[in-house]
Protein backbone atom coordinates (compact mmCIF):
# COMPACT_ATOMS: atom_id res chain seq x y z
CA MET A 1 0.00 0.00 0.00
CA ASN A 2 2.80 2.40 -0.85
CA LYS A 3 1.67 3.63 -4.26
CA VAL A 4 1.09 7.34 -4.81
CA ILE A 5 -1.67 9.28 -6.59
CA LEU A 6 -0.38 12.59 -7.94
CA PHE A 7 -3.30 14.91 -8.61
CA ASN A 8 -3.45 18.10 -10.66
CA PRO A 9 -6.83 19.78 -9.93
CA ARG A 10 -8.70 21.52 -12.70
CA ALA A 11 -7.39 25.03 -13.34
CA THR A 12 -8.81 25.74 -16.78
CA THR A 13 -11.60 24.72 -19.13
CA HIS A 14 -9.87 25.41 -22.43
CA HIS A 15 -6.08 24.99 -22.37
CA ALA A 16 -4.59 22.28 -20.20
CA ARG A 17 -0.86 22.76 -19.71
CA ILE A 18 1.82 20.24 -18.80
CA PRO A 19 1.53 19.85 -14.98
CA ASN A 20 5.14 20.72 -14.21
CA SER A 21 4.67 20.80 -10.43
CA ILE A 22 3.32 17.25 -10.54
CA LEU A 23 6.13 16.13 -12.84
CA ALA A 24 8.70 17.56 -10.41
CA ILE A 25 7.27 15.40 -7.61
CA ALA A 26 6.99 12.40 -9.92
CA ALA A 27 10.67 12.79 -10.82
CA SER A 28 11.59 12.86 -7.11
CA ILE A 29 10.14 9.37 -6.53
CA GLU A 30 10.95 7.84 -9.91
CA GLY A 31 12.28 4.32 -9.31
CA LYS A 32 11.46 4.49 -5.57
CA TYR A 33 7.66 4.45 -5.49
CA GLU A 34 5.02 3.49 -8.00
CA TYR A 35 2.71 6.35 -8.88
CA VAL A 36 -0.13 7.38 -11.14
CA ILE A 37 -1.02 10.84 -12.43
CA VAL A 38 -4.59 12.15 -12.48
CA ASP A 39 -5.09 15.46 -14.29
CA GLY A 40 -8.37 17.18 -13.41
CA ASN A 41 -8.07 19.32 -16.55
CA LEU A 42 -8.37 16.26 -18.78
CA GLU A 43 -10.85 14.08 -16.86
CA ASN A 44 -14.63 14.48 -16.98
CA ASP A 45 -14.94 12.92 -13.53
CA PRO A 46 -11.50 12.87 -11.86
CA MET A 47 -12.90 11.80 -8.47
CA SER A 48 -14.19 8.55 -9.96
CA VAL A 49 -10.70 7.87 -11.38
CA ILE A 50 -9.11 8.59 -8.00
CA ARG A 51 -11.67 6.42 -6.19
CA ARG A 52 -11.03 3.55 -8.60
CA TYR A 53 -7.33 3.62 -7.78
CA LEU A 54 -7.93 3.83 -4.05
CA GLN A 55 -10.40 0.94 -4.08
CA THR A 56 -7.59 -1.40 -5.14
CA GLY A 57 -6.02 -0.96 -1.70
CA ASP A 58 -2.61 -0.41 -3.28
CA PHE A 59 -2.43 3.35 -2.75
CA GLY A 60 -1.44 4.87 0.55
CA PHE A 61 -0.78 8.44 -0.55
CA PHE A 62 -2.77 11.19 -2.24
CA ALA A 63 -0.70 14.25 -3.18
CA SER A 64 -2.23 17.34 -4.76
CA THR A 65 -0.81 20.60 -6.01
CA VAL A 66 -3.13 23.44 -4.97
CA MET A 67 -2.93 26.89 -6.51
CA PRO A 68 -5.29 29.68 -5.43
CA GLY A 69 -8.50 29.98 -7.40
CA PRO A 70 -10.09 27.22 -9.53
CA GLN A 71 -7.96 24.33 -8.23
CA LEU A 72 -9.60 24.67 -4.81
CA LYS A 73 -12.94 23.54 -6.28
CA GLN A 74 -11.56 20.03 -6.75
CA ALA A 75 -8.74 19.88 -4.21
CA ILE A 76 -10.92 20.67 -1.18
CA PRO A 77 -13.96 18.38 -1.75
CA PHE A 78 -11.86 15.55 -3.19
CA SER A 79 -9.45 15.54 -0.24
CA LYS A 80 -12.38 15.63 2.18
CA ARG A 81 -14.08 12.66 0.48
CA ILE A 82 -10.86 10.67 0.45
CA ARG A 83 -10.45 11.21 4.19
CA GLU A 84 -14.03 10.09 4.78
CA GLU A 85 -13.99 7.07 2.46
CA PHE A 86 -10.33 6.01 2.78
CA PRO A 87 -9.19 7.24 6.21
CA SER A 88 -5.88 5.35 6.10
CA VAL A 89 -4.68 7.28 3.03
CA ASN A 90 -2.18 10.04 3.81
CA ILE A 91 -3.05 13.36 2.17
CA ILE A 92 -0.28 15.77 1.13
CA TRP A 93 -0.77 19.23 -0.36
CA GLY A 94 1.73 21.52 -2.07
CA GLY A 95 1.48 24.79 -3.95
CA TYR A 96 0.98 28.46 -3.17
CA PHE A 97 -2.43 28.19 -1.52
CA PRO A 98 -1.58 25.86 1.38
CA SER A 99 1.80 27.50 1.88
CA ASN A 100 0.12 30.90 2.27
CA HIS A 101 -2.82 29.61 4.35
CA PRO A 102 -1.40 26.69 6.38
CA LYS A 103 -3.54 27.04 9.51
CA VAL A 104 -6.92 26.75 7.82
CA VAL A 105 -5.64 23.90 5.62
CA LEU A 106 -4.10 21.79 8.39
CA GLU A 107 -6.98 22.36 10.81
CA SER A 108 -9.45 21.07 8.20
CA GLY A 109 -8.77 17.54 9.37
CA PHE A 110 -8.24 16.18 5.88
CA VAL A 111 -4.76 17.45 4.96
CA ASP A 112 -1.90 15.83 6.88
CA VAL A 113 1.08 17.87 5.76
CA ILE A 114 2.01 20.72 3.40
CA VAL A 115 5.08 20.92 1.17
CA ASN A 116 6.19 24.53 1.62
CA GLY A 117 8.18 25.31 -1.52
CA PRO A 118 10.00 22.89 -3.83
CA GLY A 119 9.23 19.27 -3.00
CA ASP A 120 11.93 17.60 -5.09
CA LYS A 121 13.89 16.48 -2.02
CA THR A 122 11.16 16.86 0.60
CA PHE A 123 8.51 14.60 -0.89
CA PRO A 124 10.38 11.26 -0.70
CA HIS A 125 11.22 12.04 2.96
CA ILE A 126 7.52 12.60 3.72
CA LEU A 127 6.58 9.22 2.24
CA HIS A 128 9.37 7.52 4.19
CA ALA A 129 8.22 9.17 7.43
CA PHE A 130 4.62 8.04 6.92
CA GLU A 131 5.64 4.49 6.01
CA ASN A 132 7.85 4.14 9.07
CA LYS A 133 5.51 6.05 11.42
CA GLN A 134 8.23 8.62 12.08
CA SER A 135 7.88 12.31 12.92
CA PHE A 136 8.50 15.04 10.38
CA GLU A 137 11.29 16.49 12.48
CA GLY A 138 14.37 17.22 10.40
CA ILE A 139 12.49 17.35 7.08
CA ASN A 140 12.82 20.74 5.43
CA ASN A 141 10.19 22.67 3.45
CA LEU A 142 7.27 21.44 5.54
CA LEU A 143 4.23 22.81 7.35
CA TYR A 144 2.37 20.50 9.73
CA LEU A 145 0.42 20.45 12.98
CA GLN A 146 2.05 19.41 16.23
CA GLU A 147 0.06 19.61 19.45
CA GLY A 148 -2.37 21.98 17.77
CA LYS A 149 0.33 24.39 16.54
CA VAL A 150 1.49 24.93 12.96
CA ILE A 151 5.14 23.93 12.68
CA LYS A 152 7.16 25.50 9.87
CA SER A 153 10.38 23.60 9.22
CA ALA A 154 13.59 25.11 7.88
CA LYS A 155 13.85 25.95 4.20
CA ASP A 156 16.23 24.11 1.88
CA GLU A 157 18.65 26.15 -0.13
CA LEU A 158 17.30 26.39 -3.66
CA TYR A 159 18.30 23.32 -5.62
CA ASP A 160 20.70 23.01 -8.52
CA LEU A 161 18.07 22.39 -11.19
CA ASP A 162 20.58 20.76 -13.53
CA ALA A 163 21.31 18.10 -10.89
CA LEU A 164 17.67 17.06 -10.38
CA THR A 165 16.12 13.98 -11.98
CA PRO A 166 14.70 14.83 -15.44
CA TYR A 167 10.92 15.15 -15.65
CA PRO A 168 9.22 11.86 -16.65
CA TYR A 169 7.54 13.17 -19.79
CA GLU A 170 7.19 9.66 -21.21
CA LYS A 171 5.36 8.54 -18.08
CA LEU A 172 2.98 11.49 -18.34
CA ASN A 173 2.44 10.63 -21.99
CA SER A 174 1.39 7.11 -20.93
CA PHE A 175 -1.45 8.61 -18.86
CA TYR A 176 -2.38 11.53 -21.12
CA PRO A 177 -1.14 11.87 -24.71
CA MET A 178 1.12 14.90 -24.88
CA GLU A 179 -0.93 16.49 -27.65
CA LYS A 180 -3.66 17.08 -25.06
CA TYR A 181 -1.32 19.69 -23.56
CA GLN A 182 -0.40 21.27 -26.88
CA GLN A 183 -3.46 23.23 -27.95
CA LYS A 184 -2.91 26.12 -30.32
CA THR A 185 -2.21 29.53 -28.76
CA TYR A 186 -0.95 32.89 -29.96
CA ILE A 187 2.67 31.78 -29.67
CA GLY A 188 2.37 28.49 -31.54
CA LYS A 189 0.34 25.52 -32.75
CA HIS A 190 1.96 22.97 -30.44
CA PRO A 191 3.13 24.78 -27.28
CA VAL A 192 4.62 23.21 -24.18
CA ALA A 193 4.69 24.70 -20.68
CA TYR A 194 8.09 24.66 -19.02
CA HIS A 195 9.64 25.78 -15.71
CA SER A 196 13.27 26.89 -15.89
CA SER A 197 13.70 28.46 -12.45
CA PHE A 198 12.49 28.68 -8.86
CA GLY A 199 11.38 31.85 -7.10
CA CYS A 200 12.05 35.54 -7.67
CA PRO A 201 14.62 37.89 -6.07
CA PHE A 202 12.02 40.60 -5.34
CA THR A 203 9.45 41.12 -2.56
CA CYS A 204 6.27 42.56 -4.09
CA SER A 205 3.71 42.78 -1.29
CA PHE A 206 0.82 41.32 -3.32
CA CYS A 207 2.71 38.32 -4.73
CA ALA A 208 2.03 34.78 -3.48
CA VAL A 209 5.59 33.76 -4.38
CA VAL A 210 7.23 36.01 -1.78
CA PRO A 211 6.31 34.10 1.42
CA ILE A 212 7.54 30.84 -0.10
CA TYR A 213 10.88 31.80 -1.66
CA ASN A 214 11.82 34.81 0.49
CA ALA A 215 13.39 36.78 -2.37
CA ARG A 216 15.46 33.86 -3.61
CA TRP A 217 15.86 32.74 -7.24
CA LYS A 218 17.74 29.95 -8.94
CA GLY A 219 17.64 28.98 -12.58
CA ARG A 220 18.49 25.98 -14.70
CA SER A 221 21.45 26.52 -17.00
CA ALA A 222 20.81 27.80 -20.51
CA LYS A 223 22.12 24.54 -21.95
CA GLY A 224 19.88 22.50 -19.67
CA ILE A 225 16.84 24.51 -20.78
CA ALA A 226 17.74 24.24 -24.46
CA ASP A 227 18.37 20.48 -24.20
CA ASP A 228 14.94 19.93 -22.64
CA ILE A 229 13.14 22.06 -25.20
CA ILE A 230 14.92 20.43 -28.13
CA PHE A 231 13.91 17.03 -26.71
CA LEU A 232 10.26 18.18 -26.45
CA GLN A 233 10.42 19.41 -30.04
CA GLN A 234 11.96 16.24 -31.43
CA ARG A 235 9.92 13.80 -29.34
CA PHE A 236 6.52 15.52 -29.12
CA GLY A 237 6.55 18.05 -31.98
CA ALA A 238 6.62 21.16 -29.80
CA ASP A 239 6.98 24.39 -31.77
CA SER A 240 6.71 26.91 -28.93
CA VAL A 241 7.35 27.29 -25.21
CA GLU A 242 5.42 28.97 -22.40
CA PHE A 243 7.96 29.67 -19.66
CA MET A 244 5.93 29.46 -16.47
CA ASP A 245 8.70 30.86 -14.26
CA ASN A 246 7.88 33.60 -11.78
CA ASN A 247 10.75 35.57 -13.34
CA PHE A 248 12.48 34.04 -16.35
CA PHE A 249 14.72 37.01 -17.17
CA VAL A 250 16.67 37.52 -13.92
CA SER A 251 20.01 36.82 -15.64
CA GLU A 252 20.79 38.55 -18.93
CA LYS A 253 23.76 36.23 -19.41
CA ARG A 254 21.52 33.14 -19.15
CA THR A 255 18.97 34.70 -21.51
CA VAL A 256 21.63 35.45 -24.14
CA GLU A 257 23.08 31.96 -23.87
CA PHE A 258 19.66 30.35 -24.18
CA CYS A 259 18.74 32.48 -27.21
CA LYS A 260 21.92 31.51 -29.05
CA LEU A 261 21.30 27.82 -28.36
CA ILE A 262 17.61 27.76 -29.30
CA ALA A 263 17.65 30.14 -32.31
CA PRO A 264 18.41 27.42 -34.91
CA TYR A 265 15.34 25.39 -33.85
CA ASN A 266 12.63 27.90 -34.86
CA MET A 267 10.83 27.84 -31.51
CA SER A 268 8.67 30.79 -30.46
CA TRP A 269 8.31 31.55 -26.77
CA TRP A 270 6.74 33.62 -24.00
CA GLY A 271 7.99 34.39 -20.49
CA GLU A 272 7.48 36.56 -17.44
CA GLY A 273 9.88 39.27 -16.31
CA ARG A 274 10.31 42.64 -14.62
CA ILE A 275 10.39 45.92 -16.48
CA ASP A 276 13.31 47.33 -14.51
CA THR A 277 15.31 44.14 -15.06
CA ILE A 278 14.85 43.80 -18.81
CA ASP A 279 15.16 47.54 -19.36
CA LYS A 280 18.80 47.10 -18.33
CA TYR A 281 19.32 44.58 -21.13
CA LYS A 282 21.40 45.73 -24.07
CA ASP A 283 19.66 46.45 -27.37
CA GLU A 284 21.63 43.58 -28.87
CA THR A 285 20.10 41.22 -26.30
CA LEU A 286 16.54 42.32 -27.06
CA ALA A 287 17.22 41.93 -30.79
CA LEU A 288 18.65 38.47 -30.15
CA MET A 289 15.58 37.51 -28.09
CA LYS A 290 13.31 38.45 -30.98
CA GLU A 291 15.49 36.59 -33.45
CA ALA A 292 15.41 33.52 -31.16
CA GLY A 293 11.60 33.47 -31.14
CA CYS A 294 10.48 35.66 -28.21
CA LYS A 295 7.00 36.91 -29.16
CA MET A 296 5.56 38.27 -25.93
CA ILE A 297 6.64 38.96 -22.32
CA PHE A 298 4.40 39.36 -19.29
CA PHE A 299 5.30 42.24 -16.96
CA GLY A 300 3.84 43.36 -13.65
CA ALA A 301 3.47 47.09 -14.31
CA GLU A 302 0.96 47.22 -11.41
CA SER A 303 0.37 51.00 -11.19
CA GLY A 304 1.20 54.30 -12.84
CA ASP A 305 1.63 55.96 -9.44
CA ASP A 306 5.14 55.89 -7.99
CA GLU A 307 3.82 56.14 -4.41
CA VAL A 308 1.66 53.06 -4.93
CA LEU A 309 4.61 51.20 -6.44
CA LYS A 310 6.56 51.95 -3.25
CA LYS A 311 3.71 50.67 -1.08
CA MET A 312 3.67 47.50 -3.16
CA ASP A 313 7.31 46.87 -2.20
CA LYS A 314 8.16 46.41 -5.85
CA GLY A 315 11.85 46.73 -5.08
CA GLY A 316 14.29 47.48 -7.88
CA THR A 317 13.93 50.77 -9.74
CA GLN A 318 10.57 50.47 -11.51
CA SER A 319 8.77 53.80 -11.96
CA SER A 320 5.84 55.13 -13.95
CA ALA A 321 8.22 56.91 -16.33
CA GLN A 322 10.14 53.71 -16.92
CA ILE A 323 6.93 51.73 -17.56
CA LEU A 324 6.01 54.12 -20.39
CA LYS A 325 9.52 54.34 -21.80
CA PHE A 326 9.95 50.58 -21.80
CA ALA A 327 6.64 49.96 -23.60
CA LYS A 328 7.92 52.19 -26.38
CA ARG A 329 11.32 50.49 -26.38
CA MET A 330 9.78 47.03 -26.79
CA GLN A 331 7.90 48.21 -29.85
CA GLN A 332 11.09 48.75 -31.82
CA PHE A 333 12.08 45.10 -31.32
CA GLY A 334 8.68 43.68 -32.21
CA ILE A 335 8.19 41.94 -28.85
CA ILE A 336 4.72 42.47 -27.37
CA PRO A 337 4.74 43.57 -23.73
CA GLU A 338 1.87 42.22 -21.62
CA TYR A 339 1.39 44.73 -18.79
CA SER A 340 -0.67 43.74 -15.77
CA PHE A 341 -2.12 46.40 -13.49
CA VAL A 342 -3.50 45.93 -9.99
CA LEU A 343 -6.29 48.41 -9.34
CA GLY A 344 -8.14 48.98 -6.09
CA THR A 345 -5.24 48.98 -3.64
CA PRO A 346 -5.98 50.05 -0.02
CA ALA A 347 -6.49 53.79 0.56
CA ASP A 348 -7.22 56.02 3.54
CA SER A 349 -10.71 56.86 2.30
CA PRO A 350 -13.18 55.86 -0.43
CA GLU A 351 -12.50 59.19 -2.15
CA LYS A 352 -8.77 58.49 -2.30
CA ALA A 353 -9.40 54.93 -3.49
CA MET A 354 -11.57 56.22 -6.36
CA LEU A 355 -9.01 58.89 -7.22
CA GLN A 356 -6.30 56.23 -7.41
CA ILE A 357 -8.43 54.11 -9.74
CA ASP A 358 -8.96 57.14 -12.02
CA LYS A 359 -5.21 57.83 -12.07
CA ASP A 360 -4.41 54.23 -13.01
CA ILE A 361 -7.03 54.23 -15.77
CA ALA A 362 -5.53 57.44 -17.18
CA PHE A 363 -2.05 55.91 -17.03
CA ILE A 364 -3.15 52.74 -18.83
CA ARG A 365 -4.46 54.93 -21.63
CA LYS A 366 -1.02 56.60 -21.82
CA VAL A 367 0.62 53.19 -22.17
CA LYS A 368 -1.65 52.40 -25.13
CA GLU A 369 -0.75 55.76 -26.67
CA VAL A 370 3.00 55.12 -26.60
CA ASN A 371 2.63 51.49 -27.75
CA PRO A 372 -0.86 50.40 -28.87
CA GLU A 373 0.36 46.81 -29.17
CA THR A 374 0.86 46.57 -25.41
CA GLU A 375 -1.53 43.97 -24.01
CA ILE A 376 -3.25 45.18 -20.83
CA ILE A 377 -4.35 42.81 -18.07
CA ILE A 378 -6.32 44.31 -15.19
CA TYR A 379 -6.66 42.74 -11.74
CA ILE A 380 -8.52 43.96 -8.70
CA TYR A 381 -6.21 43.89 -5.67
CA SER A 382 -6.53 40.91 -3.34
CA PRO A 383 -4.33 40.63 -0.23
CA VAL A 384 -1.52 38.11 0.16
CA PRO A 385 -0.37 37.35 3.75
CA THR A 386 3.18 38.68 3.34
CA GLU A 387 5.02 39.20 6.62
CA GLY A 388 6.30 42.72 7.13
CA SER A 389 4.32 44.15 4.22
CA GLU A 390 2.96 47.62 4.99
CA MET A 391 0.21 47.11 2.42
CA PHE A 392 -0.95 43.88 4.08
CA LYS A 393 -0.92 45.57 7.50
CA ALA A 394 -3.11 48.31 6.07
CA VAL A 395 -5.48 45.68 4.71
CA MET A 396 -5.91 44.04 8.11
CA THR A 397 -6.80 47.35 9.77
CA THR A 398 -9.89 47.56 7.51
CA GLY A 399 -11.45 44.52 9.15
CA PHE A 400 -10.63 42.18 6.26
CA ARG A 401 -10.33 38.51 7.28
CA TYR A 402 -9.73 35.28 5.40
CA PRO A 403 -12.15 32.35 5.80
CA GLN A 404 -11.74 30.46 9.06
CA LYS A 405 -12.75 27.09 7.57
CA LEU A 406 -11.21 25.55 4.48
CA GLU A 407 -14.56 24.69 2.88
CA GLU A 408 -15.51 28.39 2.89
CA TRP A 409 -12.89 29.00 0.18
CA VAL A 410 -15.18 27.25 -2.32
CA SER A 411 -18.29 29.14 -1.29
CA PRO A 412 -19.75 31.46 -3.96
CA GLU A 413 -18.41 34.48 -2.07
CA TRP A 414 -14.80 33.29 -1.98
CA GLU A 415 -14.19 30.93 -4.88
CA ASN A 416 -12.83 33.65 -7.18
CA PHE A 417 -10.97 35.59 -4.51
CA ASP A 418 -7.42 34.76 -5.57
CA LEU A 419 -8.25 35.38 -9.20
CA ARG A 420 -8.85 38.97 -8.06
CA LYS A 421 -12.31 38.99 -9.59
CA ASN A 422 -14.39 39.13 -6.40
CA PRO A 423 -12.03 40.52 -3.79
CA LEU A 424 -14.40 41.01 -0.82
CA THR A 425 -12.21 43.91 0.20
CA PRO A 426 -13.86 46.42 2.59
CA TRP A 427 -12.22 49.55 1.13
CA LEU A 428 -13.66 48.93 -2.35
CA THR A 429 -17.25 49.95 -3.00
CA PRO A 430 -19.40 48.28 -5.69
CA GLU A 431 -19.14 51.55 -7.63
CA MET A 432 -15.33 51.26 -7.71
CA VAL A 433 -15.38 47.61 -8.80
CA ASP A 434 -17.91 48.42 -11.53
CA LYS A 435 -15.74 51.28 -12.77
CA ILE A 436 -12.70 49.04 -13.06
CA LYS A 437 -14.58 46.27 -14.83
CA ASN A 438 -16.43 48.63 -17.17
CA PHE A 439 -13.20 50.34 -18.18
CA GLU A 440 -11.66 46.94 -18.81
CA THR A 441 -14.59 45.99 -21.06
CA VAL A 442 -14.30 49.20 -23.10
CA LEU A 443 -10.51 48.89 -23.29
CA HIS A 444 -10.73 45.33 -24.63
CA GLY A 445 -13.40 46.46 -27.06
CA TYR A 446 -11.27 49.24 -28.49
CA TYR A 447 -8.06 47.20 -28.30
CA PRO A 448 -9.03 43.52 -28.73
CA THR A 449 -6.30 41.17 -27.51
CA VAL A 450 -4.08 39.52 -30.11
CA SER A 451 -4.12 36.31 -28.08
CA ASP A 452 -7.74 35.39 -28.85
CA LEU A 453 -7.23 33.48 -32.08
CA ARG A 454 -10.97 33.11 -32.71
CA LEU A 455 -11.38 36.84 -33.35
CA THR A 456 -11.21 37.41 -37.10
CA THR A 457 -10.01 40.69 -38.59
CA ARG A 458 -13.63 41.57 -39.36
CA LYS A 459 -14.75 40.91 -35.80
CA ARG A 460 -11.91 43.02 -34.44
CA ARG A 461 -12.94 45.93 -36.67
CA VAL A 462 -16.60 45.63 -35.63
CA ILE A 463 -15.92 45.57 -31.91
CA LYS A 464 -13.34 48.38 -32.17
CA ARG A 465 -15.84 50.62 -33.99
CA LEU A 466 -18.49 49.81 -31.40
CA ALA A 467 -16.18 50.77 -28.51
CA ALA A 468 -14.54 53.77 -30.21
CA LEU A 469 -16.89 56.53 -29.01
CA ARG A 470 -16.82 55.27 -25.42
CA TYR A 471 -13.05 54.98 -25.35
CA LYS A 472 -12.37 58.32 -27.00
CA THR A 473 -14.78 60.20 -24.73
CA GLY A 474 -13.86 58.26 -21.56
CA PHE A 475 -17.47 57.15 -21.02
CA TYR A 476 -17.31 53.65 -19.52
CA PRO A 477 -20.59 52.96 -17.61
CA PHE A 478 -22.99 50.23 -18.74
CA PRO A 479 -21.05 48.93 -21.79
CA TYR A 480 -23.73 46.32 -22.46
CA GLU A 481 -23.30 46.37 -26.24
CA ILE A 482 -19.60 45.45 -25.93
CA LYS A 483 -20.33 42.78 -23.33
CA ALA A 484 -22.95 41.30 -25.65
CA LEU A 485 -20.42 40.95 -28.48
CA HIS A 486 -17.81 39.53 -26.10
CA LYS A 487 -20.33 36.94 -24.96
CA LEU A 488 -21.52 36.16 -28.48
CA TRP A 489 -17.97 35.65 -29.74
CA LYS A 490 -16.76 34.02 -26.50
CA TYR A 491 -14.03 36.60 -26.23
CA ARG A 492 -11.09 35.59 -24.03
CA LYS A 493 -9.31 38.38 -22.23
CA PRO A 494 -5.50 38.19 -21.98
CA GLU A 495 -5.71 37.11 -18.31
CA ILE A 496 -7.72 34.03 -19.33
CA GLU A 497 -6.12 33.04 -22.60
CA GLY A 498 -2.66 33.92 -21.36
CA PHE A 499 -0.84 33.77 -24.68
């Protein structure tokens, strides 16, 4: 009874991506434990598949990655049912959600232990401890209950990614054909999702990565990345890569090396980076990136107000002036910048909160003026429990509180919280939320995203004409006609489609 179920809860309804977090754990036990992979994105009824495995009596472990948002809708009820129906099965969670909310997770009674950060070395130790009825003492990267208190073990140094066991892509392919993960996107017909690094060296106060990695970053070597991607191209026909790193571009040297290695293979790619980091790159590097297939980069612009950027603990040197200048600079290299903005941050009064929203809307319009090709993604601020963050302290003074029971996270009020769609934040009035969402609707009417491949040129022209008067006059309320077209054409905003 030592087999392991590795579960990837549903996160999307339209573009399943390679479950890299699950593959990392699978690699850590390859040759030591038998395991199966269940992907909630590709199963109509994943619980029935899980139950069928457990009914054999061969499986003693259920391990699930749990990101904030949609994955909770399967991770929470499935784990609860497993505890009720198969009480001897040990339940292990990993991912940003349990690491950021350990108390409510561990006190649920149906999660035994949390992997707090990378599990490549931790996970086999957990299985060994359970099998031999040993304590978790001495195992790093863990969160668990001991005598009613949450124990947080020491953190490992970030691993040498080149020294870790390669991901078992062939094993994944035996459960789910790889083409299921290679649906056409803006960057290519047969994309693959890939992680090339851990963490991020910055401490943004709204980022779920910060409490887990504590401003640490470590990347796989350029050669290691290129070797993996070339393998995925030659074995599974990949023609593009979605780098799912929190910050792919930390090292210009690594980026240059990677570009030189991958350029001959005609792969297009997308990644996530910081404006103030990449703005330090040489022009030759940006030109090389484009030549090597870089089509789009996601950036956290966050706000056009320098005071707000300071409150967000953005670190580095990012400023409103730099955000505008960099958007223009990217245009000359033909790389599309995806700028995300977080609107609705805490303010001293409703009037100041509304004024800040107006300032950010005006700034977003400036960005589109200097580079109309800039993709804009708008989020409504939702708090992340980051220790020492002034912004989070301000949030808590408003009376904001997280759910006290794990099941509440999948209630209608909270299920979209970490997607920043329904923030339940006391300082934001319905009028403010409506203003943000209405502006977003008009913006995406006047500037339809390039990433929605179903929008024909004709449809783009129609929706742009429809939104033109609203956008040019700054009249955003009640944009029902644009919403109707979005619904009719099943428009996907950049935050949903992603690429």
